[in-house]
Amino acid sequence: MFDAIVEWVFRLMRMGKAWLAMLGRFIAAPFRATYALFKRSGWIIRAVIGVALLPLVFGYGHFLWHTLWIRDYNLDYADNLRITDLTGAADEQVAVEGGQGSTKTCGRSNIVTVTADLIDFNVNRNKWISSHPLFKAGIFWALSWDQTWFFDNKAAFQRGVHQAASRTAIELADSLGRARGTSRIDKDLQVAKGNIQFDQFTWYFNVFDKQPFGPTTRTPSYYRNARKSLQRYNERLANCSATYDARADNLLQFLDRIAKDIGSASAAIKDRSEQYNSGWFDTRADDIFWFSKGQLYAYYGILRAARADFADVVKSRALDDIWDHMDEQLRSAIELDPLVVSNGTEDGLIMPTHLTTIGFYILRVRANMVEIRSILDR
């Protein structure tokens, strides 16, 4: 039995080695052909080839530099924003003495602060990868980076963060930033909602793409405008010239939307885990894993902010213990950091199943949300 397992492992390794060698030859073929042409050509042709390749070399250098790791990644980013040190619940008015007499200020929304910071994290402190022309080009327009193990994890993570930020911006515009849903949508929240839903893959020029050919406005510019709108709303909120409705039913609806959002990610994990069991050789499992991790990374901060914004509701409904459990599950999920994402069978002996592991935490978080929702609904 042991010999059979060892033989199976070695056979799998040989298959992987052969596949990687074939992929390497495919990638190297145009470079080898260009080098052969360079060697047998005169100095004029060599100069032309060098000038033509220079932008490609610098372009790929820039692309690799920005896709190899996530800058400013910090599990404690919500603590660094000092969400508990802000004025308080956003609908609370506080009298402040100063100048000619007494003035009133209001607290900023912690949810808005965290959402704006997540957008800044995605498009300012990091390059937005999904609209980068060399990411969209893939391997010479023949194979998408999403279908490989290489250079796509950061893009998937950013999309997950963006999904959570987008969902939150929509809820801010449609419910949290309005008085019982009967008032007009706040102008800044409406602009933020529109900009943050812009297509994720648009660059200045979009060759061989479904997006507008160009010249056009890049995706990150729309997301930066959404961030500016959220910040303007928070400033107006601080000056009591905007509305933020931190009621129990709004918290219930917000948690319900988040539960459905991460439930969709859980369904994608379930489908991939059931239909493919290629272990480390599943080239799409990493995209689903990193998208889910990005989504949970964003909601980890957003839900901590929601707890501060709805502090009175959390306290009056005795939700602290359940919320602590939800935070712990989210933290455990985003601490997962495999070098290579494996999608093995759930009862497999050799290869782990990272997809099922993060899916387990998603279900635990969702169960906590459902429990909080049931308490709020009583």
Protein backbone atom coordinates (compact mmCIF):
# COMPACT_ATOMS: atom_id res chain seq x y z
CA MET A 1 0.00 0.00 0.00
CA PHE A 2 2.79 2.40 0.98
CA ASP A 3 4.75 1.60 -2.21
CA ALA A 4 1.65 2.30 -4.29
CA ILE A 5 1.19 5.71 -2.64
CA VAL A 6 4.86 6.62 -3.18
CA GLU A 7 4.64 5.56 -6.82
CA TRP A 8 1.48 7.64 -7.27
CA VAL A 9 3.18 10.72 -5.76
CA PHE A 10 6.23 10.34 -8.02
CA ARG A 11 4.01 9.85 -11.06
CA LEU A 12 2.13 13.02 -10.16
CA MET A 13 5.39 14.91 -9.77
CA ARG A 14 6.58 13.68 -13.17
CA MET A 15 3.30 14.80 -14.75
CA GLY A 16 3.66 18.22 -13.14
CA LYS A 17 7.26 18.52 -14.28
CA ALA A 18 6.33 17.61 -17.85
CA TRP A 19 3.46 20.12 -17.85
CA LEU A 20 5.68 22.90 -16.51
CA ALA A 21 8.36 22.08 -19.08
CA MET A 22 5.80 22.30 -21.88
CA LEU A 23 4.51 25.62 -20.53
CA GLY A 24 8.10 26.90 -20.26
CA ARG A 25 8.82 25.99 -23.88
CA PHE A 26 5.62 27.72 -24.98
CA ILE A 27 6.51 30.91 -23.12
CA ALA A 28 10.15 30.86 -24.23
CA ALA A 29 9.42 30.21 -27.95
CA PRO A 30 8.95 33.87 -29.05
CA PHE A 31 11.98 34.96 -27.01
CA ARG A 32 14.16 32.26 -28.57
CA ALA A 33 12.97 33.23 -32.05
CA THR A 34 13.70 36.93 -31.38
CA TYR A 35 17.16 36.09 -30.01
CA ALA A 36 17.96 33.97 -33.08
CA LEU A 37 16.90 36.84 -35.36
CA PHE A 38 19.01 39.25 -33.30
CA LYS A 39 22.14 37.05 -33.62
CA ARG A 40 22.00 36.69 -37.40
CA SER A 41 21.07 40.31 -38.16
CA GLY A 42 23.17 43.40 -38.81
CA TRP A 43 23.56 46.26 -36.36
CA ILE A 44 20.64 48.25 -37.87
CA ILE A 45 18.18 45.40 -37.39
CA ARG A 46 19.59 44.79 -33.93
CA ALA A 47 19.03 48.44 -33.01
CA VAL A 48 15.44 48.27 -34.28
CA ILE A 49 14.79 45.08 -32.27
CA GLY A 50 16.35 46.66 -29.16
CA VAL A 51 14.23 49.82 -29.44
CA ALA A 52 11.09 47.73 -30.04
CA LEU A 53 11.76 45.48 -27.02
CA LEU A 54 12.68 48.27 -24.59
CA PRO A 55 9.07 49.29 -23.75
CA LEU A 56 8.14 45.61 -23.38
CA VAL A 57 11.00 44.96 -20.95
CA PHE A 58 10.20 48.01 -18.83
CA GLY A 59 6.47 47.26 -19.04
CA TYR A 60 6.85 43.71 -17.77
CA GLY A 61 9.28 44.87 -15.11
CA HIS A 62 6.68 47.36 -13.86
CA PHE A 63 3.96 44.70 -14.04
CA LEU A 64 5.94 42.09 -12.10
CA TRP A 65 7.04 44.61 -9.47
CA HIS A 66 3.42 45.48 -8.66
CA THR A 67 1.92 41.98 -8.82
CA LEU A 68 4.39 40.04 -6.68
CA TRP A 69 3.05 41.21 -3.31
CA ILE A 70 0.31 43.27 -1.69
CA ARG A 71 1.68 46.50 -0.29
CA ASP A 72 0.57 47.81 3.11
CA TYR A 73 -1.24 44.55 3.87
CA ASN A 74 -2.05 44.65 7.57
CA LEU A 75 -4.52 42.47 9.46
CA ASP A 76 -4.83 45.20 12.10
CA TYR A 77 -5.65 47.99 9.65
CA ALA A 78 -8.94 48.75 11.41
CA ASP A 79 -7.08 49.39 14.68
CA ASN A 80 -4.71 51.77 12.87
CA LEU A 81 -7.74 53.82 11.78
CA ARG A 82 -8.64 54.19 15.47
CA ILE A 83 -12.30 53.66 14.76
CA THR A 84 -13.16 53.62 18.46
CA ASP A 85 -11.48 57.03 18.92
CA LEU A 86 -13.81 58.90 16.59
CA THR A 87 -16.53 61.17 17.97
CA GLY A 88 -19.01 58.32 18.39
CA ALA A 89 -22.09 57.03 16.69
CA ALA A 90 -22.63 59.05 13.54
CA ASP A 91 -26.11 60.24 14.45
CA GLU A 92 -24.99 61.54 17.86
CA GLN A 93 -24.81 65.32 18.27
CA VAL A 94 -22.34 66.82 20.74
CA ALA A 95 -22.26 70.40 22.00
CA VAL A 96 -18.84 72.05 21.72
CA GLU A 97 -17.89 75.41 23.20
CA GLY A 98 -15.80 77.74 21.06
CA GLY A 99 -15.58 81.13 19.43
CA GLN A 100 -18.67 83.28 19.91
CA GLY A 101 -20.70 80.59 21.61
CA SER A 102 -21.92 77.04 21.45
CA THR A 103 -21.80 75.08 18.18
CA LYS A 104 -22.83 71.54 17.34
CA THR A 105 -20.80 68.86 15.64
CA CYS A 106 -21.69 65.28 14.75
CA GLY A 107 -19.62 62.13 14.69
CA ARG A 108 -18.20 60.70 11.49
CA SER A 109 -19.28 57.27 10.33
CA ASN A 110 -16.69 54.59 11.04
CA ILE A 111 -18.11 52.47 8.20
CA VAL A 112 -17.49 55.31 5.75
CA THR A 113 -13.96 55.81 7.12
CA VAL A 114 -13.04 52.14 6.68
CA THR A 115 -14.64 51.89 3.23
CA ALA A 116 -12.74 54.96 2.00
CA ASP A 117 -9.51 53.51 3.43
CA LEU A 118 -10.09 50.20 1.62
CA ILE A 119 -10.48 52.03 -1.67
CA ASP A 120 -7.28 53.95 -0.94
CA PHE A 121 -5.56 50.64 -0.14
CA ASN A 122 -6.72 49.14 -3.46
CA VAL A 123 -5.91 51.93 -5.92
CA ASN A 124 -3.45 54.32 -4.23
CA ARG A 125 -1.22 52.26 -1.95
CA ASN A 126 -1.36 49.44 -4.51
CA LYS A 127 -1.68 49.44 -8.29
CA TRP A 128 -5.08 48.24 -9.50
CA ILE A 129 -3.99 45.10 -11.37
CA SER A 130 -7.18 44.00 -13.14
CA SER A 131 -7.06 46.92 -15.61
CA HIS A 132 -3.30 46.74 -16.22
CA PRO A 133 -2.81 46.11 -19.97
CA LEU A 134 -0.21 43.37 -19.46
CA PHE A 135 -2.48 41.59 -16.99
CA LYS A 136 -5.34 41.68 -19.50
CA ALA A 137 -2.98 40.54 -22.26
CA GLY A 138 -2.12 37.41 -20.29
CA ILE A 139 0.58 35.23 -21.85
CA PHE A 140 0.75 36.84 -25.29
CA TRP A 141 -3.06 36.99 -25.50
CA ALA A 142 -3.09 33.18 -25.61
CA LEU A 143 -3.70 32.35 -21.95
CA SER A 144 -5.24 34.48 -19.23
CA TRP A 145 -3.20 34.99 -16.06
CA ASP A 146 -6.33 33.85 -14.18
CA GLN A 147 -5.78 30.41 -15.73
CA THR A 148 -2.29 30.09 -14.28
CA TRP A 149 -0.67 30.06 -10.84
CA PHE A 150 1.24 33.23 -11.64
CA PHE A 151 0.64 36.96 -11.12
CA ASP A 152 -3.12 36.72 -10.52
CA ASN A 153 -3.45 36.35 -6.74
CA LYS A 154 -3.16 40.06 -6.04
CA ALA A 155 -5.77 40.89 -8.70
CA ALA A 156 -8.20 38.35 -7.20
CA PHE A 157 -7.57 39.71 -3.68
CA GLN A 158 -8.22 43.29 -4.84
CA ARG A 159 -11.47 42.24 -6.51
CA GLY A 160 -12.60 40.65 -3.25
CA VAL A 161 -11.81 43.83 -1.29
CA HIS A 162 -13.58 45.87 -3.94
CA GLN A 163 -16.65 43.62 -3.82
CA ALA A 164 -17.05 44.32 -0.08
CA ALA A 165 -16.40 48.05 -0.47
CA SER A 166 -18.88 48.26 -3.36
CA ARG A 167 -21.58 46.40 -1.41
CA THR A 168 -21.06 48.75 1.54
CA ALA A 169 -21.20 51.90 -0.61
CA ILE A 170 -24.49 50.72 -2.08
CA GLU A 171 -25.96 50.14 1.40
CA LEU A 172 -24.75 53.55 2.55
CA ALA A 173 -26.52 55.24 -0.35
CA ASP A 174 -29.72 53.18 -0.23
CA SER A 175 -30.38 52.87 3.50
CA LEU A 176 -27.75 53.97 6.04
CA GLY A 177 -27.38 57.49 4.63
CA ARG A 178 -31.13 58.16 4.46
CA ALA A 179 -33.84 58.81 7.04
CA ARG A 180 -35.98 55.63 7.04
CA GLY A 181 -35.67 55.31 3.28
CA THR A 182 -38.13 58.15 2.65
CA SER A 183 -35.64 60.98 2.19
CA ARG A 184 -33.64 61.73 -0.94
CA ILE A 185 -30.41 59.84 -1.56
CA ASP A 186 -27.42 61.83 -0.35
CA LYS A 187 -25.68 63.44 -3.34
CA ASP A 188 -22.18 62.35 -2.34
CA LEU A 189 -23.24 58.80 -1.52
CA GLN A 190 -25.06 58.60 -4.86
CA VAL A 191 -21.90 59.65 -6.72
CA ALA A 192 -19.82 57.17 -4.71
CA LYS A 193 -22.29 54.38 -5.45
CA GLY A 194 -22.13 55.07 -9.19
CA ASN A 195 -18.35 55.38 -9.42
CA ILE A 196 -17.51 52.33 -7.34
CA GLN A 197 -19.65 50.12 -9.60
CA PHE A 198 -17.65 51.08 -12.70
CA ASP A 199 -16.12 48.28 -14.78
CA GLN A 200 -12.97 46.80 -13.21
CA PHE A 201 -10.96 46.23 -16.42
CA THR A 202 -10.75 49.60 -18.21
CA TRP A 203 -7.41 51.22 -19.05
CA TYR A 204 -6.59 54.28 -21.21
CA PHE A 205 -6.62 52.09 -24.34
CA ASN A 206 -8.23 48.65 -24.42
CA VAL A 207 -6.82 46.65 -27.32
CA PHE A 208 -8.46 43.26 -28.04
CA ASP A 209 -10.94 43.99 -25.26
CA LYS A 210 -14.69 44.43 -24.75
CA GLN A 211 -14.05 47.72 -22.95
CA PRO A 212 -14.06 51.08 -24.82
CA PHE A 213 -11.00 51.24 -27.07
CA GLY A 214 -9.98 54.71 -25.88
CA PRO A 215 -8.73 57.15 -25.03
CA THR A 216 -10.88 56.78 -21.95
CA THR A 217 -10.78 57.10 -18.17
CA ARG A 218 -9.10 54.26 -16.26
CA THR A 219 -10.91 52.20 -13.64
CA PRO A 220 -8.81 53.48 -10.69
CA SER A 221 -9.87 57.08 -11.44
CA TYR A 222 -13.52 56.19 -10.87
CA TYR A 223 -12.71 54.44 -7.61
CA ARG A 224 -10.64 57.40 -6.39
CA ASN A 225 -13.61 59.67 -7.12
CA ALA A 226 -15.82 57.33 -5.09
CA ARG A 227 -13.39 57.64 -2.18
CA LYS A 228 -13.45 61.44 -2.41
CA SER A 229 -17.25 61.41 -2.36
CA LEU A 230 -17.28 59.22 0.75
CA GLN A 231 -14.84 61.56 2.47
CA ARG A 232 -16.96 64.60 1.57
CA TYR A 233 -20.01 62.87 3.00
CA ASN A 234 -18.15 62.14 6.24
CA GLU A 235 -17.04 65.76 6.52
CA ARG A 236 -20.62 66.93 6.03
CA LEU A 237 -21.74 64.37 8.59
CA ALA A 238 -19.25 65.82 11.07
CA ASN A 239 -20.82 69.24 10.49
CA CYS A 240 -24.40 67.97 10.94
CA SER A 241 -25.26 68.65 7.30
CA ALA A 242 -25.83 65.01 6.32
CA THR A 243 -27.90 62.08 7.57
CA TYR A 244 -26.77 58.75 8.99
CA ASP A 245 -29.46 56.48 10.40
CA ALA A 246 -27.88 54.06 12.91
CA ARG A 247 -31.06 52.17 13.76
CA ALA A 248 -31.41 48.48 14.61
CA ASP A 249 -33.38 47.66 11.45
CA ASN A 250 -30.69 49.28 9.30
CA LEU A 251 -28.04 47.16 11.01
CA LEU A 252 -30.20 44.08 10.45
CA GLN A 253 -30.52 44.86 6.74
CA PHE A 254 -26.80 45.64 6.42
CA LEU A 255 -25.79 42.32 7.99
CA ASP A 256 -28.31 40.51 5.80
CA ARG A 257 -26.72 41.99 2.65
CA ILE A 258 -23.23 41.03 3.82
CA ALA A 259 -24.37 37.49 4.66
CA LYS A 260 -25.75 37.10 1.14
CA ASP A 261 -22.57 38.55 -0.36
CA ILE A 262 -20.21 36.13 1.39
CA GLY A 263 -22.77 33.34 0.80
CA SER A 264 -22.19 33.82 -2.92
CA ALA A 265 -18.44 33.32 -2.37
CA SER A 266 -19.20 30.20 -0.34
CA ALA A 267 -21.25 28.81 -3.23
CA ALA A 268 -18.35 29.40 -5.66
CA ILE A 269 -16.01 27.55 -3.28
CA LYS A 270 -18.47 24.66 -2.99
CA ASP A 271 -18.81 24.32 -6.77
CA ARG A 272 -15.05 24.38 -7.37
CA SER A 273 -14.33 21.93 -4.54
CA GLU A 274 -16.93 19.43 -5.78
CA GLN A 275 -16.10 19.60 -9.47
CA TYR A 276 -12.30 19.76 -9.35
CA ASN A 277 -9.89 17.91 -7.06
CA SER A 278 -6.55 18.63 -8.73
CA GLY A 279 -4.82 19.67 -5.53
CA TRP A 280 -1.89 22.01 -6.19
CA PHE A 281 -2.51 21.66 -9.95
CA ASP A 282 -5.89 23.44 -9.91
CA THR A 283 -4.96 26.75 -11.53
CA ARG A 284 -8.29 28.47 -10.74
CA ALA A 285 -8.55 27.53 -7.06
CA ASP A 286 -6.12 30.31 -6.09
CA ASP A 287 -8.35 32.96 -7.70
CA ILE A 288 -11.39 31.87 -5.69
CA PHE A 289 -9.34 31.57 -2.49
CA TRP A 290 -7.75 35.01 -2.79
CA PHE A 291 -11.01 36.68 -3.85
CA SER A 292 -12.69 35.23 -0.74
CA LYS A 293 -9.78 36.27 1.46
CA GLY A 294 -9.91 39.83 0.08
CA GLN A 295 -13.64 39.98 0.68
CA LEU A 296 -13.27 38.79 4.28
CA TYR A 297 -10.28 41.11 4.84
CA ALA A 298 -12.49 44.08 3.90
CA TYR A 299 -15.51 42.92 5.89
CA TYR A 300 -13.30 42.36 8.93
CA GLY A 301 -12.70 46.12 9.11
CA ILE A 302 -16.16 47.13 7.95
CA LEU A 303 -17.90 45.02 10.59
CA ARG A 304 -15.66 46.37 13.33
CA ALA A 305 -16.64 49.84 12.14
CA ALA A 306 -20.32 48.86 12.14
CA ARG A 307 -20.00 47.70 15.74
CA ALA A 308 -18.76 51.18 16.68
CA ASP A 309 -21.38 53.02 14.62
CA PHE A 310 -24.20 50.93 16.08
CA ALA A 311 -22.71 50.79 19.59
CA ASP A 312 -26.03 51.59 21.29
CA VAL A 313 -27.84 48.84 19.36
CA VAL A 314 -25.11 46.28 20.08
CA LYS A 315 -25.19 47.13 23.78
CA SER A 316 -28.98 47.22 24.17
CA ARG A 317 -29.41 43.86 22.37
CA ALA A 318 -26.46 42.23 24.23
CA LEU A 319 -24.65 41.34 20.99
CA ASP A 320 -21.08 41.70 22.26
CA ASP A 321 -20.33 37.99 22.78
CA ILE A 322 -21.70 36.91 19.41
CA TRP A 323 -19.90 39.78 17.69
CA ASP A 324 -16.64 38.75 19.37
CA HIS A 325 -17.06 35.22 17.96
CA MET A 326 -17.72 36.64 14.49
CA ASP A 327 -14.56 38.77 14.69
CA GLU A 328 -12.54 35.72 15.73
CA GLN A 329 -13.80 33.68 12.78
CA LEU A 330 -13.05 36.49 10.35
CA ARG A 331 -9.58 36.90 11.82
CA SER A 332 -8.87 33.17 11.52
CA ALA A 333 -9.95 33.20 7.87
CA ILE A 334 -7.77 36.12 6.79
CA GLU A 335 -4.77 34.67 8.64
CA LEU A 336 -4.76 31.75 6.16
CA ASP A 337 -1.76 32.28 3.88
CA PRO A 338 -0.74 29.17 1.89
CA LEU A 339 2.27 29.46 -0.41
CA VAL A 340 0.36 27.57 -3.12
CA VAL A 341 -3.41 27.13 -2.92
CA SER A 342 -4.41 23.48 -3.09
CA ASN A 343 -7.86 22.16 -3.97
CA GLY A 344 -7.54 18.53 -2.87
CA THR A 345 -10.30 16.19 -1.84
CA GLU A 346 -11.75 16.75 1.63
CA ASP A 347 -10.60 13.29 2.78
CA GLY A 348 -7.35 13.39 0.81
CA LEU A 349 -4.11 12.03 2.27
CA ILE A 350 -1.48 14.01 0.37
CA MET A 351 -2.79 17.39 -0.81
CA PRO A 352 -4.70 19.78 1.50
CA THR A 353 -7.92 21.56 0.59
CA HIS A 354 -7.43 25.26 1.27
CA LEU A 355 -10.68 26.14 -0.49
CA THR A 356 -12.76 24.04 1.88
CA THR A 357 -10.89 25.50 4.87
CA ILE A 358 -11.69 29.12 4.00
CA GLY A 359 -15.21 28.05 3.05
CA PHE A 360 -15.63 26.60 6.54
CA TYR A 361 -14.75 29.95 8.11
CA ILE A 362 -17.10 31.78 5.76
CA LEU A 363 -19.97 29.55 6.89
CA ARG A 364 -19.05 30.15 10.55
CA VAL A 365 -19.06 33.92 10.00
CA ARG A 366 -22.36 33.72 8.14
CA ALA A 367 -23.88 31.64 10.96
CA ASN A 368 -22.88 34.35 13.45
CA MET A 369 -24.48 37.00 11.24
CA VAL A 370 -27.69 35.02 11.00
CA GLU A 371 -27.74 34.69 14.78
CA ILE A 372 -27.23 38.44 15.24
CA ARG A 373 -29.93 39.10 12.67
CA SER A 374 -32.40 36.84 14.50
CA ILE A 375 -31.77 38.75 17.75
CA LEU A 376 -32.28 42.10 16.02
CA ASP A 377 -35.47 40.83 14.41
CA ARG A 378 -37.15 39.93 17.72
